[in-house]
Amino acid sequence: MDTGNFLENPYDKLEKIAPQTSFVQAKTYYGGGEWYSLDLDYKRIVDILKKVNYQGYISIEFEGKEDPKTGVKKSVDLLRSVL
């Protein structure tokens, strides 16, 4: 599940693929994205994953323009807050 692959109605689409998910790439865009930016609701995404009893890994795919030293930390903090 790549959370940044659906530009329109992402949550409906993420729900559809959630039962088959074996790995999650959580995209974040601090500082604005290189090609596009999404304001994703990770609490909602985690709830979708919990409904299907997802037990796998969640990786961070930082695609923002912010300095990675701060942008990645913000991404980690965000995901920890909803997990």
C-alpha atoms as a PDB file:
ATOM      1  CA  MET A   1       0.000   0.000   0.000  1.00  0.00           C
ATOM      2  CA  ASP A   2       1.589   3.243  -1.133  1.00  0.00           C
ATOM      3  CA  THR A   3      -0.445   5.946   0.569  1.00  0.00           C
ATOM      4  CA  GLY A   4       0.527   8.551  -2.017  1.00  0.00           C
ATOM      5  CA  ASN A   5      -0.633   6.691  -5.118  1.00  0.00           C
ATOM      6  CA  PHE A   6      -4.228   7.916  -5.044  1.00  0.00           C
ATOM      7  CA  LEU A   7      -4.659  11.614  -5.686  1.00  0.00           C
ATOM      8  CA  GLU A   8      -8.464  11.602  -5.562  1.00  0.00           C
ATOM      9  CA  ASN A   9     -10.615   9.833  -2.965  1.00  0.00           C
ATOM     10  CA  PRO A  10      -7.589   8.081  -1.452  1.00  0.00           C
ATOM     11  CA  TYR A  11      -9.372   6.579   1.556  1.00  0.00           C
ATOM     12  CA  ASP A  12     -11.970   4.701  -0.504  1.00  0.00           C
ATOM     13  CA  LYS A  13      -9.188   3.254  -2.633  1.00  0.00           C
ATOM     14  CA  LEU A  14      -6.986   2.417   0.342  1.00  0.00           C
ATOM     15  CA  GLU A  15      -9.915   0.572   1.924  1.00  0.00           C
ATOM     16  CA  LYS A  16     -10.311  -1.500  -1.235  1.00  0.00           C
ATOM     17  CA  ILE A  17      -6.682  -2.623  -1.256  1.00  0.00           C
ATOM     18  CA  ALA A  18      -6.271  -2.940   2.527  1.00  0.00           C
ATOM     19  CA  PRO A  19      -7.232  -6.650   2.735  1.00  0.00           C
ATOM     20  CA  GLN A  20      -4.393  -7.546   0.342  1.00  0.00           C
ATOM     21  CA  THR A  21      -1.797  -5.234   1.914  1.00  0.00           C
ATOM     22  CA  SER A  22       1.492  -6.861   2.863  1.00  0.00           C
ATOM     23  CA  PHE A  23       3.620  -3.708   3.240  1.00  0.00           C
ATOM     24  CA  VAL A  24       2.832  -0.005   3.696  1.00  0.00           C
ATOM     25  CA  GLN A  25       4.750   2.982   2.338  1.00  0.00           C
ATOM     26  CA  ALA A  26       3.535   6.046   4.236  1.00  0.00           C
ATOM     27  CA  LYS A  27       4.274   9.125   2.175  1.00  0.00           C
ATOM     28  CA  THR A  28       4.846  12.504   3.785  1.00  0.00           C
ATOM     29  CA  TYR A  29       5.380  15.858   2.119  1.00  0.00           C
ATOM     30  CA  TYR A  30       6.760  18.326   4.671  1.00  0.00           C
ATOM     31  CA  GLY A  31       7.883  21.443   2.852  1.00  0.00           C
ATOM     32  CA  GLY A  32       5.717  20.574  -0.146  1.00  0.00           C
ATOM     33  CA  GLY A  33       6.144  17.673  -2.510  1.00  0.00           C
ATOM     34  CA  GLU A  34       8.443  17.411  -5.483  1.00  0.00           C
ATOM     35  CA  TRP A  35       5.620  16.536  -7.904  1.00  0.00           C
ATOM     36  CA  TYR A  36       2.504  16.909  -5.766  1.00  0.00           C
ATOM     37  CA  SER A  37       1.512  17.106  -2.101  1.00  0.00           C
ATOM     38  CA  LEU A  38      -1.209  15.246  -0.260  1.00  0.00           C
ATOM     39  CA  ASP A  39      -2.555  16.096   3.162  1.00  0.00           C
ATOM     40  CA  LEU A  40      -3.168  12.542   4.314  1.00  0.00           C
ATOM     41  CA  ASP A  41      -5.080  11.653   7.460  1.00  0.00           C
ATOM     42  CA  TYR A  42      -2.854   8.969   8.940  1.00  0.00           C
ATOM     43  CA  LYS A  43      -5.205   8.306  11.850  1.00  0.00           C
ATOM     44  CA  ARG A  44      -7.829   7.374   9.278  1.00  0.00           C
ATOM     45  CA  ILE A  45      -5.333   5.248   7.308  1.00  0.00           C
ATOM     46  CA  VAL A  46      -4.237   3.405  10.468  1.00  0.00           C
ATOM     47  CA  ASP A  47      -7.903   2.761  11.292  1.00  0.00           C
ATOM     48  CA  ILE A  48      -8.356   1.251   7.810  1.00  0.00           C
ATOM     49  CA  LEU A  49      -5.374  -1.019   8.430  1.00  0.00           C
ATOM     50  CA  LYS A  50      -6.626  -2.026  11.877  1.00  0.00           C
ATOM     51  CA  LYS A  51      -9.988  -3.077  10.401  1.00  0.00           C
ATOM     52  CA  VAL A  52      -8.198  -5.700   8.303  1.00  0.00           C
ATOM     53  CA  ASN A  53      -5.849  -6.661  11.173  1.00  0.00           C
ATOM     54  CA  TYR A  54      -2.732  -5.509   9.321  1.00  0.00           C
ATOM     55  CA  GLN A  55       0.336  -6.684  11.260  1.00  0.00           C
ATOM     56  CA  GLY A  56       3.139  -5.783   8.847  1.00  0.00           C
ATOM     57  CA  TYR A  57       5.680  -3.027   8.554  1.00  0.00           C
ATOM     58  CA  ILE A  58       5.026   0.628   7.786  1.00  0.00           C
ATOM     59  CA  SER A  59       7.876   2.492   6.142  1.00  0.00           C
ATOM     60  CA  ILE A  60       8.199   6.217   5.666  1.00  0.00           C
ATOM     61  CA  GLU A  61       8.671   7.543   2.174  1.00  0.00           C
ATOM     62  CA  PHE A  62       9.581  11.191   2.666  1.00  0.00           C
ATOM     63  CA  GLU A  63       8.958  13.165  -0.528  1.00  0.00           C
ATOM     64  CA  GLY A  64       8.967  16.678   0.874  1.00  0.00           C
ATOM     65  CA  LYS A  65      11.301  19.548   0.090  1.00  0.00           C
ATOM     66  CA  GLU A  66      12.010  20.210   3.758  1.00  0.00           C
ATOM     67  CA  ASP A  67      15.459  19.273   5.023  1.00  0.00           C
ATOM     68  CA  PRO A  68      15.274  15.503   5.648  1.00  0.00           C
ATOM     69  CA  LYS A  69      16.854  16.001   9.081  1.00  0.00           C
ATOM     70  CA  THR A  70      13.652  17.691  10.218  1.00  0.00           C
ATOM     71  CA  GLY A  71      11.106  16.343   7.718  1.00  0.00           C
ATOM     72  CA  VAL A  72      11.811  12.693   8.465  1.00  0.00           C
ATOM     73  CA  LYS A  73      11.648  13.340  12.211  1.00  0.00           C
ATOM     74  CA  LYS A  74       8.256  15.001  11.757  1.00  0.00           C
ATOM     75  CA  SER A  75       7.135  11.981   9.732  1.00  0.00           C
ATOM     76  CA  VAL A  76       8.263   9.553  12.439  1.00  0.00           C
ATOM     77  CA  ASP A  77       6.533  11.649  15.111  1.00  0.00           C
ATOM     78  CA  LEU A  78       3.333  11.767  13.051  1.00  0.00           C
ATOM     79  CA  LEU A  79       3.172   8.004  12.537  1.00  0.00           C
ATOM     80  CA  ARG A  80       4.066   7.250  16.148  1.00  0.00           C
ATOM     81  CA  SER A  81       1.249   9.530  17.289  1.00  0.00           C
ATOM     82  CA  VAL A  82      -1.364   7.511  15.389  1.00  0.00           C
ATOM     83  CA  LEU A  83       0.009   4.014  15.961  1.00  0.00           C
END
